[in-house]
Amino acid sequence: MIKAENLGKKYTIGHQTERGRYVALRDVLVQNARTFWRTTADLLRGRPIIQGNHLEEVWALKDASFEIRRGEVVWV
């Protein structure tokens, strides 16, 4: 028998929010430096690289359970 309980798969998606105001070159350079250091730290820690300044979590599958008994056939 095969039994699975509470399976789930979650994705984290990064979004870049739009700026409706003037942005100085200094602000762009500071933001790029922060992004570079954050990306480098994530790489060193083995974390996924997610771009954007707003993160959204999306569940593709959440709390799915199933059971396959001996002799049953499952077609996917």
PDB file of N, CA and C in Angstrom:
ATOM      1  N   MET A   1       0.843  -1.167   0.000  1.00  0.00           N
ATOM      2  CA  MET A   1       0.000   0.000   0.000  1.00  0.00           C
ATOM      3  C   MET A   1       0.896   1.241   0.000  1.00  0.00           C
ATOM      4  N   ILE A   2       0.451   2.239  -0.739  1.00  0.00           N
ATOM      5  CA  ILE A   2       1.134   3.538  -0.768  1.00  0.00           C
ATOM      6  C   ILE A   2       0.170   4.564  -0.201  1.00  0.00           C
ATOM      7  N   LYS A   3       0.654   5.339   0.750  1.00  0.00           N
ATOM      8  CA  LYS A   3      -0.200   6.331   1.394  1.00  0.00           C
ATOM      9  C   LYS A   3       0.581   7.639   1.529  1.00  0.00           C
ATOM     10  N   ALA A   4      -0.042   8.732   1.123  1.00  0.00           N
ATOM     11  CA  ALA A   4       0.570  10.060   1.250  1.00  0.00           C
ATOM     12  C   ALA A   4      -0.441  10.982   1.910  1.00  0.00           C
ATOM     13  N   GLU A   5       0.027  11.774   2.845  1.00  0.00           N
ATOM     14  CA  GLU A   5      -0.855  12.695   3.558  1.00  0.00           C
ATOM     15  C   GLU A   5      -0.265  14.094   3.590  1.00  0.00           C
ATOM     16  N   ASN A   6      -1.124  15.043   3.405  1.00  0.00           N
ATOM     17  CA  ASN A   6      -0.775  16.467   3.534  1.00  0.00           C
ATOM     18  C   ASN A   6       0.384  16.904   2.641  1.00  0.00           C
ATOM     19  N   LEU A   7       0.365  16.484   1.383  1.00  0.00           N
ATOM     20  CA  LEU A   7       1.388  16.905   0.438  1.00  0.00           C
ATOM     21  C   LEU A   7       1.148  18.349   0.020  1.00  0.00           C
ATOM     22  N   GLY A   8       2.225  19.045  -0.277  1.00  0.00           N
ATOM     23  CA  GLY A   8       2.087  20.421  -0.727  1.00  0.00           C
ATOM     24  C   GLY A   8       3.288  20.860  -1.535  1.00  0.00           C
ATOM     25  N   LYS A   9       3.061  21.855  -2.394  1.00  0.00           N
ATOM     26  CA  LYS A   9       4.136  22.459  -3.181  1.00  0.00           C
ATOM     27  C   LYS A   9       3.868  23.953  -3.252  1.00  0.00           C
ATOM     28  N   LYS A  10       4.837  24.744  -2.763  1.00  0.00           N
ATOM     29  CA  LYS A  10       4.684  26.191  -2.717  1.00  0.00           C
ATOM     30  C   LYS A  10       5.794  26.840  -3.531  1.00  0.00           C
ATOM     31  N   TYR A  11       5.423  27.848  -4.308  1.00  0.00           N
ATOM     32  CA  TYR A  11       6.382  28.631  -5.072  1.00  0.00           C
ATOM     33  C   TYR A  11       6.426  30.043  -4.496  1.00  0.00           C
ATOM     34  N   THR A  12       7.609  30.642  -4.513  1.00  0.00           N
ATOM     35  CA  THR A  12       7.760  32.037  -4.137  1.00  0.00           C
ATOM     36  C   THR A  12       8.134  32.813  -5.393  1.00  0.00           C
ATOM     37  N   ILE A  13       7.337  33.815  -5.709  1.00  0.00           N
ATOM     38  CA  ILE A  13       7.507  34.590  -6.935  1.00  0.00           C
ATOM     39  C   ILE A  13       7.836  36.023  -6.556  1.00  0.00           C
ATOM     40  N   GLY A  14       8.843  36.585  -7.190  1.00  0.00           N
ATOM     41  CA  GLY A  14       9.224  37.974  -6.940  1.00  0.00           C
ATOM     42  C   GLY A  14       8.626  38.903  -7.972  1.00  0.00           C
ATOM     43  N   HIS A  15       8.156  40.059  -7.500  1.00  0.00           N
ATOM     44  CA  HIS A  15       7.592  41.083  -8.371  1.00  0.00           C
ATOM     45  C   HIS A  15       8.348  42.381  -8.156  1.00  0.00           C
ATOM     46  N   GLN A  16       8.518  43.120  -9.223  1.00  0.00           N
ATOM     47  CA  GLN A  16       9.136  44.437  -9.132  1.00  0.00           C
ATOM     48  C   GLN A  16       8.025  45.471  -9.127  1.00  0.00           C
ATOM     49  N   THR A  17       7.898  46.220  -8.042  1.00  0.00           N
ATOM     50  CA  THR A  17       6.867  47.257  -7.991  1.00  0.00           C
ATOM     51  C   THR A  17       7.306  48.455  -8.822  1.00  0.00           C
ATOM     52  N   GLU A  18       6.341  49.067  -9.462  1.00  0.00           N
ATOM     53  CA  GLU A  18       6.649  50.213 -10.314  1.00  0.00           C
ATOM     54  C   GLU A  18       6.756  51.475  -9.471  1.00  0.00           C
ATOM     55  N   ARG A  19       7.669  52.322  -9.880  1.00  0.00           N
ATOM     56  CA  ARG A  19       7.867  53.590  -9.185  1.00  0.00           C
ATOM     57  C   ARG A  19       7.259  54.698 -10.038  1.00  0.00           C
ATOM     58  N   GLY A  20       6.434  55.494  -9.433  1.00  0.00           N
ATOM     59  CA  GLY A  20       5.802  56.577 -10.173  1.00  0.00           C
ATOM     60  C   GLY A  20       6.495  57.904  -9.971  1.00  0.00           C
ATOM     61  N   ARG A  21       7.636  57.893  -9.324  1.00  0.00           N
ATOM     62  CA  ARG A  21       8.326  59.146  -9.030  1.00  0.00           C
ATOM     63  C   ARG A  21       9.711  59.137  -9.667  1.00  0.00           C
ATOM     64  N   TYR A  22      10.327  60.281  -9.639  1.00  0.00           N
ATOM     65  CA  TYR A  22      11.696  60.422 -10.125  1.00  0.00           C
ATOM     66  C   TYR A  22      12.633  59.622  -9.228  1.00  0.00           C
ATOM     67  N   VAL A  23      13.581  58.921  -9.847  1.00  0.00           N
ATOM     68  CA  VAL A  23      14.561  58.140  -9.099  1.00  0.00           C
ATOM     69  C   VAL A  23      15.953  58.652  -9.443  1.00  0.00           C
ATOM     70  N   ALA A  24      16.678  59.056  -8.426  1.00  0.00           N
ATOM     71  CA  ALA A  24      18.031  59.571  -8.622  1.00  0.00           C
ATOM     72  C   ALA A  24      18.996  58.426  -8.929  1.00  0.00           C
ATOM     73  N   LEU A  25      20.056  58.737  -9.621  1.00  0.00           N
ATOM     74  CA  LEU A  25      21.073  57.749  -9.951  1.00  0.00           C
ATOM     75  C   LEU A  25      21.630  57.120  -8.681  1.00  0.00           C
ATOM     76  N   ARG A  26      21.817  57.909  -7.649  1.00  0.00           N
ATOM     77  CA  ARG A  26      22.311  57.402  -6.366  1.00  0.00           C
ATOM     78  C   ARG A  26      21.390  56.304  -5.824  1.00  0.00           C
ATOM     79  N   ASP A  27      20.069  56.517  -5.908  1.00  0.00           N
ATOM     80  CA  ASP A  27      19.111  55.530  -5.416  1.00  0.00           C
ATOM     81  C   ASP A  27      19.179  54.225  -6.223  1.00  0.00           C
ATOM     82  N   VAL A  28      19.358  54.352  -7.515  1.00  0.00           N
ATOM     83  CA  VAL A  28      19.476  53.172  -8.371  1.00  0.00           C
ATOM     84  C   VAL A  28      20.737  52.395  -8.022  1.00  0.00           C
ATOM     85  N   LEU A  29      21.850  53.087  -7.825  1.00  0.00           N
ATOM     86  CA  LEU A  29      23.108  52.424  -7.484  1.00  0.00           C
ATOM     87  C   LEU A  29      23.026  51.722  -6.135  1.00  0.00           C
ATOM     88  N   VAL A  30      22.407  52.367  -5.144  1.00  0.00           N
ATOM     89  CA  VAL A  30      22.258  51.763  -3.814  1.00  0.00           C
ATOM     90  C   VAL A  30      21.379  50.516  -3.903  1.00  0.00           C
ATOM     91  N   GLN A  31      20.267  50.616  -4.632  1.00  0.00           N
ATOM     92  CA  GLN A  31      19.367  49.466  -4.774  1.00  0.00           C
ATOM     93  C   GLN A  31      20.073  48.303  -5.476  1.00  0.00           C
ATOM     94  N   ASN A  32      20.842  48.589  -6.516  1.00  0.00           N
ATOM     95  CA  ASN A  32      21.578  47.532  -7.222  1.00  0.00           C
ATOM     96  C   ASN A  32      22.627  46.893  -6.331  1.00  0.00           C
ATOM     97  N   ALA A  33      23.289  47.681  -5.499  1.00  0.00           N
ATOM     98  CA  ALA A  33      24.281  47.128  -4.571  1.00  0.00           C
ATOM     99  C   ALA A  33      23.604  46.220  -3.550  1.00  0.00           C
ATOM    100  N   ARG A  34      22.458  46.646  -3.015  1.00  0.00           N
ATOM    101  CA  ARG A  34      21.727  45.801  -2.065  1.00  0.00           C
ATOM    102  C   ARG A  34      21.296  44.491  -2.706  1.00  0.00           C
ATOM    103  N   THR A  35      20.792  44.582  -3.916  1.00  0.00           N
ATOM    104  CA  THR A  35      20.356  43.374  -4.635  1.00  0.00           C
ATOM    105  C   THR A  35      21.536  42.430  -4.867  1.00  0.00           C
ATOM    106  N   PHE A  36      22.672  42.986  -5.246  1.00  0.00           N
ATOM    107  CA  PHE A  36      23.870  42.168  -5.475  1.00  0.00           C
ATOM    108  C   PHE A  36      24.281  41.432  -4.203  1.00  0.00           C
ATOM    109  N   TRP A  37      24.341  42.146  -3.067  1.00  0.00           N
ATOM    110  CA  TRP A  37      24.764  41.517  -1.810  1.00  0.00           C
ATOM    111  C   TRP A  37      23.746  40.497  -1.320  1.00  0.00           C
ATOM    112  N   ARG A  38      22.449  40.793  -1.493  1.00  0.00           N
ATOM    113  CA  ARG A  38      21.420  39.843  -1.081  1.00  0.00           C
ATOM    114  C   ARG A  38      21.491  38.566  -1.934  1.00  0.00           C
ATOM    115  N   THR A  39      21.694  38.737  -3.232  1.00  0.00           N
ATOM    116  CA  THR A  39      21.807  37.586  -4.133  1.00  0.00           C
ATOM    117  C   THR A  39      23.035  36.755  -3.797  1.00  0.00           C
ATOM    118  N   THR A  40      24.158  37.411  -3.520  1.00  0.00           N
ATOM    119  CA  THR A  40      25.385  36.702  -3.158  1.00  0.00           C
ATOM    120  C   THR A  40      25.196  35.922  -1.856  1.00  0.00           C
ATOM    121  N   ALA A  41      24.572  36.541  -0.870  1.00  0.00           N
ATOM    122  CA  ALA A  41      24.327  35.866   0.411  1.00  0.00           C
ATOM    123  C   ALA A  41      23.396  34.669   0.221  1.00  0.00           C
ATOM    124  N   ASP A  42      22.360  34.824  -0.600  1.00  0.00           N
ATOM    125  CA  ASP A  42      21.436  33.711  -0.860  1.00  0.00           C
ATOM    126  C   ASP A  42      22.158  32.558  -1.551  1.00  0.00           C
ATOM    127  N   LEU A  43      23.027  32.870  -2.496  1.00  0.00           N
ATOM    128  CA  LEU A  43      23.793  31.820  -3.185  1.00  0.00           C
ATOM    129  C   LEU A  43      24.676  31.056  -2.205  1.00  0.00           C
ATOM    130  N   LEU A  44      25.362  31.775  -1.335  1.00  0.00           N
ATOM    131  CA  LEU A  44      26.265  31.135  -0.378  1.00  0.00           C
ATOM    132  C   LEU A  44      25.508  30.273   0.631  1.00  0.00           C
ATOM    133  N   ARG A  45      24.285  30.653   0.951  1.00  0.00           N
ATOM    134  CA  ARG A  45      23.475  29.892   1.910  1.00  0.00           C
ATOM    135  C   ARG A  45      22.643  28.797   1.247  1.00  0.00           C
ATOM    136  N   GLY A  46      22.705  28.705  -0.078  1.00  0.00           N
ATOM    137  CA  GLY A  46      21.956  27.667  -0.786  1.00  0.00           C
ATOM    138  C   GLY A  46      20.485  27.979  -0.956  1.00  0.00           C
ATOM    139  N   ARG A  47      20.117  29.238  -0.851  1.00  0.00           N
ATOM    140  CA  ARG A  47      18.724  29.640  -1.016  1.00  0.00           C
ATOM    141  C   ARG A  47      18.429  29.920  -2.489  1.00  0.00           C
ATOM    142  N   PRO A  48      17.161  29.806  -2.885  1.00  0.00           N
ATOM    143  CA  PRO A  48      16.824  30.150  -4.274  1.00  0.00           C
ATOM    144  C   PRO A  48      16.951  31.658  -4.501  1.00  0.00           C
ATOM    145  N   ILE A  49      17.293  32.029  -5.715  1.00  0.00           N
ATOM    146  CA  ILE A  49      17.428  33.432  -6.079  1.00  0.00           C
ATOM    147  C   ILE A  49      16.079  33.914  -6.603  1.00  0.00           C
ATOM    148  N   ILE A  50      15.499  34.869  -5.911  1.00  0.00           N
ATOM    149  CA  ILE A  50      14.210  35.417  -6.293  1.00  0.00           C
ATOM    150  C   ILE A  50      14.381  36.903  -6.520  1.00  0.00           C
ATOM    151  N   GLN A  51      14.063  37.355  -7.725  1.00  0.00           N
ATOM    152  CA  GLN A  51      14.240  38.766  -8.046  1.00  0.00           C
ATOM    153  C   GLN A  51      12.950  39.530  -7.801  1.00  0.00           C
ATOM    154  N   GLY A  52      13.088  40.783  -7.455  1.00  0.00           N
ATOM    155  CA  GLY A  52      11.945  41.647  -7.201  1.00  0.00           C
ATOM    156  C   GLY A  52      11.949  42.121  -5.766  1.00  0.00           C
ATOM    157  N   ASN A  53      11.239  43.213  -5.519  1.00  0.00           N
ATOM    158  CA  ASN A  53      11.223  43.738  -4.165  1.00  0.00           C
ATOM    159  C   ASN A  53       9.920  43.414  -3.433  1.00  0.00           C
ATOM    160  N   HIS A  54       9.042  42.676  -4.077  1.00  0.00           N
ATOM    161  CA  HIS A  54       7.804  42.214  -3.438  1.00  0.00           C
ATOM    162  C   HIS A  54       7.683  40.712  -3.687  1.00  0.00           C
ATOM    163  N   LEU A  55       7.560  39.915  -2.627  1.00  0.00           N
ATOM    164  CA  LEU A  55       7.482  38.466  -2.761  1.00  0.00           C
ATOM    165  C   LEU A  55       6.060  37.988  -2.545  1.00  0.00           C
ATOM    166  N   GLU A  56       5.659  37.005  -3.357  1.00  0.00           N
ATOM    167  CA  GLU A  56       4.323  36.422  -3.261  1.00  0.00           C
ATOM    168  C   GLU A  56       4.469  34.904  -3.198  1.00  0.00           C
ATOM    169  N   GLU A  57       3.751  34.279  -2.276  1.00  0.00           N
ATOM    170  CA  GLU A  57       3.756  32.817  -2.176  1.00  0.00           C
ATOM    171  C   GLU A  57       2.514  32.267  -2.851  1.00  0.00           C
ATOM    172  N   VAL A  58       2.716  31.267  -3.721  1.00  0.00           N
ATOM    173  CA  VAL A  58       1.613  30.650  -4.456  1.00  0.00           C
ATOM    174  C   VAL A  58       1.658  29.150  -4.194  1.00  0.00           C
ATOM    175  N   TRP A  59       0.559  28.591  -3.710  1.00  0.00           N
ATOM    176  CA  TRP A  59       0.461  27.149  -3.469  1.00  0.00           C
ATOM    177  C   TRP A  59      -0.066  26.479  -4.733  1.00  0.00           C
ATOM    178  N   ALA A  60       0.729  25.605  -5.348  1.00  0.00           N
ATOM    179  CA  ALA A  60       0.278  24.825  -6.493  1.00  0.00           C
ATOM    180  C   ALA A  60      -0.499  23.610  -6.015  1.00  0.00           C
ATOM    181  N   LEU A  61      -0.149  23.115  -4.843  1.00  0.00           N
ATOM    182  CA  LEU A  61      -0.793  21.946  -4.245  1.00  0.00           C
ATOM    183  C   LEU A  61      -0.708  22.118  -2.742  1.00  0.00           C
ATOM    184  N   LYS A  62      -1.833  21.920  -2.054  1.00  0.00           N
ATOM    185  CA  LYS A  62      -1.821  22.139  -0.612  1.00  0.00           C
ATOM    186  C   LYS A  62      -2.709  21.105   0.073  1.00  0.00           C
ATOM    187  N   ASP A  63      -2.141  20.417   1.069  1.00  0.00           N
ATOM    188  CA  ASP A  63      -2.852  19.433   1.888  1.00  0.00           C
ATOM    189  C   ASP A  63      -3.535  18.339   1.063  1.00  0.00           C
ATOM    190  N   ALA A  64      -2.842  17.817   0.073  1.00  0.00           N
ATOM    191  CA  ALA A  64      -3.388  16.725  -0.739  1.00  0.00           C
ATOM    192  C   ALA A  64      -3.008  15.389  -0.101  1.00  0.00           C
ATOM    193  N   SER A  65      -3.965  14.482  -0.036  1.00  0.00           N
ATOM    194  CA  SER A  65      -3.731  13.151   0.531  1.00  0.00           C
ATOM    195  C   SER A  65      -4.320  12.103  -0.406  1.00  0.00           C
ATOM    196  N   PHE A  66      -3.682  10.938  -0.467  1.00  0.00           N
ATOM    197  CA  PHE A  66      -4.224   9.839  -1.255  1.00  0.00           C
ATOM    198  C   PHE A  66      -3.701   8.516  -0.713  1.00  0.00           C
ATOM    199  N   GLU A  67      -4.369   7.460  -1.139  1.00  0.00           N
ATOM    200  CA  GLU A  67      -3.986   6.112  -0.726  1.00  0.00           C
ATOM    201  C   GLU A  67      -4.214   5.182  -1.908  1.00  0.00           C
ATOM    202  N   ILE A  68      -3.217   4.346  -2.200  1.00  0.00           N
ATOM    203  CA  ILE A  68      -3.324   3.355  -3.269  1.00  0.00           C
ATOM    204  C   ILE A  68      -3.151   1.984  -2.632  1.00  0.00           C
ATOM    205  N   ARG A  69      -4.191   1.190  -2.746  1.00  0.00           N
ATOM    206  CA  ARG A  69      -4.163  -0.137  -2.125  1.00  0.00           C
ATOM    207  C   ARG A  69      -3.541  -1.153  -3.066  1.00  0.00           C
ATOM    208  N   ARG A  70      -3.164  -2.265  -2.502  1.00  0.00           N
ATOM    209  CA  ARG A  70      -2.551  -3.349  -3.259  1.00  0.00           C
ATOM    210  C   ARG A  70      -3.490  -3.790  -4.390  1.00  0.00           C
ATOM    211  N   GLY A  71      -2.940  -3.876  -5.595  1.00  0.00           N
ATOM    212  CA  GLY A  71      -3.691  -4.314  -6.762  1.00  0.00           C
ATOM    213  C   GLY A  71      -4.361  -3.194  -7.518  1.00  0.00           C
ATOM    214  N   GLU A  72      -4.416  -1.995  -6.963  1.00  0.00           N
ATOM    215  CA  GLU A  72      -5.046  -0.869  -7.673  1.00  0.00           C
ATOM    216  C   GLU A  72      -4.071  -0.286  -8.702  1.00  0.00           C
ATOM    217  N   VAL A  73      -4.646   0.206  -9.790  1.00  0.00           N
ATOM    218  CA  VAL A  73      -3.852   0.807 -10.859  1.00  0.00           C
ATOM    219  C   VAL A  73      -4.216   2.293 -10.910  1.00  0.00           C
ATOM    220  N   VAL A  74      -3.200   3.131 -11.042  1.00  0.00           N
ATOM    221  CA  VAL A  74      -3.408   4.576 -11.120  1.00  0.00           C
ATOM    222  C   VAL A  74      -2.887   5.055 -12.459  1.00  0.00           C
ATOM    223  N   TRP A  75      -3.726   5.751 -13.202  1.00  0.00           N
ATOM    224  CA  TRP A  75      -3.328   6.346 -14.493  1.00  0.00           C
ATOM    225  C   TRP A  75      -3.203   7.845 -14.320  1.00  0.00           C
ATOM    226  N   VAL A  76      -2.071   8.362 -14.725  1.00  0.00           N
ATOM    227  CA  VAL A  76      -1.844   9.799 -14.588  1.00  0.00           C
ATOM    228  C   VAL A  76      -1.783  10.436 -15.951  1.00  0.00           C
TER     229      VAL A  76
END
